[in-house]
C-alpha cells in the first residue's frame, strides 16, 4: 500500500533529490496514518522510520536522473567543427559522404 503510493507519487516529482523524496515519503506515510490505514498493521513509529529510510534509498537508486546525451546530428556537427578548427581534413566514407 505504501510502496504503491510512493512509486506512483515519486514519478510525478519534477526533480528527484534526497530532500524531495524525504518530503514525499513523510507526506504519504502521514496521509496513511491520518486515514487510519495503518492502525491494524502492528508497525511502530520506529518501524516506519526504518521503512522511510529504505524507501528513500530504493527510490533514489531507481529514479536517479539519466544523463542527457546530444543527438547524433549535434555530435557529428561538433566533430566536424573540431576537425575544421584543428586543421584536419574531412574523410569521406565509402558512400562518398564526409564524416
N, C-alpha and C. Protein backbone atom coordinates (compact mmCIF):
# COMPACT_ATOMS: atom_id res chain seq x y z
N UNK A 1 0.83 -1.19 0.00
CA UNK A 1 0.00 0.00 0.00
C UNK A 1 0.88 1.26 0.00
N UNK A 2 1.82 1.33 0.91
CA UNK A 2 2.71 2.49 0.96
C UNK A 2 3.61 2.52 -0.26
N UNK A 3 4.13 1.35 -0.62
CA UNK A 3 5.05 1.27 -1.77
C UNK A 3 4.36 1.72 -3.05
N UNK A 4 3.14 1.25 -3.28
CA UNK A 4 2.41 1.64 -4.49
C UNK A 4 2.19 3.15 -4.54
N UNK A 5 1.78 3.71 -3.42
CA UNK A 5 1.53 5.15 -3.37
C UNK A 5 2.81 5.94 -3.61
N UNK A 6 3.90 5.49 -2.99
CA UNK A 6 5.18 6.20 -3.15
C UNK A 6 5.72 6.10 -4.57
N UNK A 7 5.60 4.91 -5.14
CA UNK A 7 6.11 4.72 -6.50
C UNK A 7 5.37 5.62 -7.48
N UNK A 8 4.07 5.67 -7.37
CA UNK A 8 3.27 6.50 -8.27
C UNK A 8 3.53 7.99 -8.03
N UNK A 9 3.55 8.40 -6.79
CA UNK A 9 3.75 9.82 -6.47
C UNK A 9 5.15 10.28 -6.82
N UNK A 10 6.15 9.42 -6.66
CA UNK A 10 7.53 9.83 -6.93
C UNK A 10 7.75 10.11 -8.42
N UNK A 11 7.00 9.45 -9.27
CA UNK A 11 7.15 9.67 -10.72
C UNK A 11 6.61 11.03 -11.15
N UNK A 12 5.85 11.67 -10.29
CA UNK A 12 5.30 12.99 -10.62
C UNK A 12 6.21 14.13 -10.16
N UNK A 13 7.27 13.81 -9.43
CA UNK A 13 8.18 14.85 -8.95
C UNK A 13 8.95 15.47 -10.11
N UNK A 14 9.09 16.79 -10.09
CA UNK A 14 9.86 17.48 -11.13
C UNK A 14 11.34 17.18 -11.00
N UNK A 15 11.80 17.13 -9.76
CA UNK A 15 13.22 16.90 -9.51
C UNK A 15 13.36 15.85 -8.41
N UNK A 16 14.17 14.84 -8.68
CA UNK A 16 14.39 13.78 -7.72
C UNK A 16 15.64 14.11 -6.91
N UNK A 17 15.44 14.49 -5.67
CA UNK A 17 16.54 14.77 -4.75
C UNK A 17 16.26 14.04 -3.44
N UNK A 18 17.28 13.85 -2.62
CA UNK A 18 17.02 13.22 -1.32
C UNK A 18 15.97 13.99 -0.51
N UNK A 19 16.03 15.32 -0.59
CA UNK A 19 15.08 16.14 0.16
C UNK A 19 13.65 15.99 -0.37
N UNK A 20 13.51 16.02 -1.70
CA UNK A 20 12.16 15.92 -2.26
C UNK A 20 11.56 14.55 -1.97
N UNK A 21 12.37 13.50 -2.03
CA UNK A 21 11.87 12.17 -1.70
C UNK A 21 11.54 12.04 -0.22
N UNK A 22 12.38 12.61 0.62
CA UNK A 22 12.13 12.57 2.06
C UNK A 22 10.80 13.24 2.39
N UNK A 23 10.56 14.41 1.78
CA UNK A 23 9.29 15.12 1.99
C UNK A 23 8.11 14.31 1.49
N UNK A 24 8.26 13.70 0.32
CA UNK A 24 7.17 12.92 -0.26
C UNK A 24 6.86 11.69 0.60
N UNK A 25 7.90 10.99 1.03
CA UNK A 25 7.70 9.79 1.84
C UNK A 25 7.02 10.14 3.16
N UNK A 26 7.49 11.21 3.79
CA UNK A 26 6.88 11.65 5.05
C UNK A 26 5.41 12.02 4.84
N UNK A 27 5.12 12.69 3.73
CA UNK A 27 3.74 13.10 3.43
C UNK A 27 2.84 11.89 3.19
N UNK A 28 3.30 10.94 2.38
CA UNK A 28 2.48 9.76 2.06
C UNK A 28 2.22 8.93 3.31
N UNK A 29 3.26 8.69 4.10
CA UNK A 29 3.07 7.91 5.33
C UNK A 29 2.17 8.67 6.30
N UNK A 30 2.32 9.99 6.36
CA UNK A 30 1.44 10.81 7.21
C UNK A 30 -0.01 10.70 6.80
N UNK A 31 -0.25 10.68 5.50
CA UNK A 31 -1.63 10.53 5.00
C UNK A 31 -2.19 9.17 5.40
N UNK A 32 -1.37 8.13 5.22
CA UNK A 32 -1.83 6.78 5.58
C UNK A 32 -2.15 6.69 7.08
N UNK A 33 -1.32 7.33 7.90
CA UNK A 33 -1.58 7.34 9.35
C UNK A 33 -2.85 8.12 9.67
N UNK A 34 -3.01 9.29 9.05
CA UNK A 34 -4.18 10.14 9.32
C UNK A 34 -5.48 9.46 8.89
N UNK A 35 -5.41 8.65 7.84
CA UNK A 35 -6.60 7.94 7.36
C UNK A 35 -6.81 6.61 8.08
N UNK A 36 -6.01 6.37 9.12
CA UNK A 36 -6.11 5.14 9.93
C UNK A 36 -5.87 3.86 9.12
N UNK A 37 -5.13 3.96 8.03
CA UNK A 37 -4.88 2.79 7.20
C UNK A 37 -3.82 1.86 7.78
N UNK A 38 -3.08 2.35 8.78
CA UNK A 38 -2.03 1.53 9.37
C UNK A 38 -2.37 1.10 10.80
N UNK A 39 -3.59 1.32 11.21
CA UNK A 39 -4.00 1.04 12.59
C UNK A 39 -3.83 -0.42 13.00
N UNK A 40 -4.09 -1.34 12.11
CA UNK A 40 -4.07 -2.75 12.47
C UNK A 40 -2.86 -3.50 11.93
N UNK A 41 -1.84 -2.78 11.50
CA UNK A 41 -0.70 -3.46 10.88
C UNK A 41 0.38 -3.87 11.87
N UNK A 42 0.38 -3.31 13.07
CA UNK A 42 1.36 -3.70 14.06
C UNK A 42 2.72 -3.02 13.94
N UNK A 43 2.84 -2.08 13.02
CA UNK A 43 4.10 -1.34 12.88
C UNK A 43 4.19 -0.24 13.92
N UNK A 44 5.38 -0.06 14.46
CA UNK A 44 5.60 1.05 15.39
C UNK A 44 6.09 2.26 14.61
N UNK A 45 6.13 3.41 15.25
CA UNK A 45 6.68 4.60 14.60
C UNK A 45 8.16 4.39 14.28
N UNK A 46 8.84 3.65 15.12
CA UNK A 46 10.25 3.31 14.85
C UNK A 46 10.37 2.46 13.59
N UNK A 47 9.46 1.50 13.44
CA UNK A 47 9.45 0.68 12.23
C UNK A 47 9.22 1.55 11.00
N UNK A 48 8.31 2.50 11.11
CA UNK A 48 8.01 3.38 9.98
C UNK A 48 9.23 4.23 9.60
N UNK A 49 10.03 4.62 10.58
CA UNK A 49 11.25 5.38 10.28
C UNK A 49 12.24 4.53 9.48
N UNK A 50 12.36 3.27 9.85
CA UNK A 50 13.24 2.35 9.11
C UNK A 50 12.70 2.16 7.69
N UNK A 51 11.40 2.00 7.58
CA UNK A 51 10.76 1.83 6.27
C UNK A 51 10.96 3.07 5.41
N UNK A 52 10.83 4.25 6.01
CA UNK A 52 11.04 5.50 5.27
C UNK A 52 12.45 5.56 4.71
N UNK A 53 13.44 5.20 5.51
CA UNK A 53 14.83 5.23 5.05
C UNK A 53 15.05 4.23 3.91
N UNK A 54 14.43 3.07 4.01
CA UNK A 54 14.56 2.06 2.96
C UNK A 54 13.92 2.53 1.66
N UNK A 55 12.72 3.09 1.75
CA UNK A 55 12.05 3.60 0.56
C UNK A 55 12.88 4.70 -0.10
N UNK A 56 13.44 5.57 0.71
CA UNK A 56 14.24 6.67 0.18
C UNK A 56 15.43 6.13 -0.61
N UNK A 57 16.12 5.15 -0.06
CA UNK A 57 17.28 4.57 -0.72
C UNK A 57 16.89 3.89 -2.04
N UNK A 58 15.82 3.12 -2.00
CA UNK A 58 15.37 2.40 -3.19
C UNK A 58 14.91 3.38 -4.27
N UNK A 59 14.13 4.37 -3.89
CA UNK A 59 13.63 5.33 -4.88
C UNK A 59 14.75 6.17 -5.46
N UNK A 60 15.71 6.57 -4.64
CA UNK A 60 16.84 7.34 -5.16
C UNK A 60 17.62 6.55 -6.20
N UNK A 61 17.82 5.27 -5.94
CA UNK A 61 18.59 4.47 -6.88
C UNK A 61 17.81 4.15 -8.15
N UNK A 62 16.51 3.99 -8.05
CA UNK A 62 15.73 3.64 -9.24
C UNK A 62 15.27 4.85 -10.05
N UNK A 63 15.18 6.00 -9.42
CA UNK A 63 14.66 7.18 -10.13
C UNK A 63 15.73 8.23 -10.41
N UNK A 64 17.00 7.87 -10.21
CA UNK A 64 18.04 8.88 -10.44
C UNK A 64 17.95 9.38 -11.87
N UNK A 65 18.32 10.63 -12.08
CA UNK A 65 18.19 11.21 -13.41
C UNK A 65 19.24 10.64 -14.34
N UNK A 66 18.83 10.42 -15.56
CA UNK A 66 19.74 9.90 -16.57
C UNK A 66 20.43 11.07 -17.26
N UNK A 67 21.69 10.88 -17.66
CA UNK A 67 22.36 11.98 -18.38
C UNK A 67 21.71 12.20 -19.73
N UNK A 68 21.65 13.44 -20.13
CA UNK A 68 21.11 13.78 -21.45
C UNK A 68 22.26 13.71 -22.45
N UNK A 69 22.08 12.93 -23.47
CA UNK A 69 23.11 12.79 -24.49
C UNK A 69 22.73 13.63 -25.70
N UNK A 70 23.73 14.22 -26.36
CA UNK A 70 23.42 15.02 -27.55
C UNK A 70 22.90 14.11 -28.67
N UNK A 71 22.14 14.70 -29.55
CA UNK A 71 21.64 13.93 -30.68
C UNK A 71 22.80 13.58 -31.60
N UNK A 72 22.59 12.61 -32.46
CA UNK A 72 23.62 12.18 -33.39
C UNK A 72 24.02 13.34 -34.31
N UNK A 73 23.05 14.14 -34.73
CA UNK A 73 23.36 15.27 -35.61
C UNK A 73 24.25 16.29 -34.90
N UNK A 74 23.94 16.56 -33.64
CA UNK A 74 24.74 17.52 -32.87
C UNK A 74 26.15 17.00 -32.67
N UNK A 75 26.28 15.70 -32.44
CA UNK A 75 27.60 15.10 -32.25
C UNK A 75 28.41 15.20 -33.53
N UNK A 76 27.81 14.88 -34.67
CA UNK A 76 28.53 14.95 -35.95
C UNK A 76 28.92 16.39 -36.27
N UNK A 77 28.02 17.34 -36.00
CA UNK A 77 28.33 18.75 -36.25
C UNK A 77 29.50 19.20 -35.39
N UNK A 78 29.54 18.79 -34.16
CA UNK A 78 30.63 19.15 -33.26
C UNK A 78 31.94 18.52 -33.72
N UNK A 79 31.90 17.26 -34.14
CA UNK A 79 33.10 16.60 -34.64
C UNK A 79 33.63 17.31 -35.88
N UNK A 80 32.73 17.71 -36.77
CA UNK A 80 33.15 18.41 -37.99
C UNK A 80 33.76 19.75 -37.64
N UNK A 81 33.14 20.48 -36.73
CA UNK A 81 33.65 21.78 -36.30
C UNK A 81 35.04 21.63 -35.69
N UNK A 82 35.21 20.64 -34.83
CA UNK A 82 36.52 20.42 -34.20
C UNK A 82 37.57 20.04 -35.23
N UNK A 83 37.20 19.22 -36.20
CA UNK A 83 38.15 18.82 -37.23
C UNK A 83 38.59 20.02 -38.05
N UNK A 84 37.66 20.89 -38.40
CA UNK A 84 37.99 22.09 -39.19
C UNK A 84 38.88 23.01 -38.37
N UNK A 85 38.54 23.21 -37.11
CA UNK A 85 39.33 24.09 -36.25
C UNK A 85 40.74 23.55 -36.02
N UNK A 86 40.88 22.24 -36.02
CA UNK A 86 42.19 21.63 -35.79
C UNK A 86 42.96 21.39 -37.09
N UNK A 87 42.38 21.77 -38.21
CA UNK A 87 43.06 21.65 -39.49
C UNK A 87 43.05 20.25 -40.07
N UNK A 88 42.18 19.40 -39.59
CA UNK A 88 42.10 18.05 -40.13
C UNK A 88 41.15 18.04 -41.32
N UNK A 89 41.50 17.25 -42.31
CA UNK A 89 40.62 17.11 -43.46
C UNK A 89 39.49 16.15 -43.11
N UNK A 90 38.35 16.41 -43.72
CA UNK A 90 37.23 15.50 -43.56
C UNK A 90 37.49 14.26 -44.40
N UNK A 91 37.27 13.11 -43.83
CA UNK A 91 37.49 11.85 -44.54
C UNK A 91 36.15 11.40 -45.10
N UNK A 92 36.19 11.00 -46.37
CA UNK A 92 34.96 10.50 -46.99
C UNK A 92 34.84 9.01 -46.73
N UNK A 93 33.61 8.60 -46.45
CA UNK A 93 33.40 7.17 -46.26
C UNK A 93 33.09 6.52 -47.60
N UNK A 94 32.79 5.25 -47.59
CA UNK A 94 32.58 4.50 -48.83
C UNK A 94 31.48 5.11 -49.69
N UNK A 95 30.46 5.67 -49.08
CA UNK A 95 29.36 6.24 -49.85
C UNK A 95 29.71 7.60 -50.45
N UNK A 96 30.89 8.12 -50.12
CA UNK A 96 31.30 9.41 -50.65
C UNK A 96 30.93 10.58 -49.77
N UNK A 97 30.27 10.30 -48.66
CA UNK A 97 29.89 11.36 -47.74
C UNK A 97 31.03 11.59 -46.75
N UNK A 98 31.15 12.85 -46.30
CA UNK A 98 32.17 13.14 -45.29
C UNK A 98 31.62 12.80 -43.92
N UNK A 99 32.49 12.37 -43.05
CA UNK A 99 32.10 12.05 -41.68
C UNK A 99 32.14 13.27 -40.83
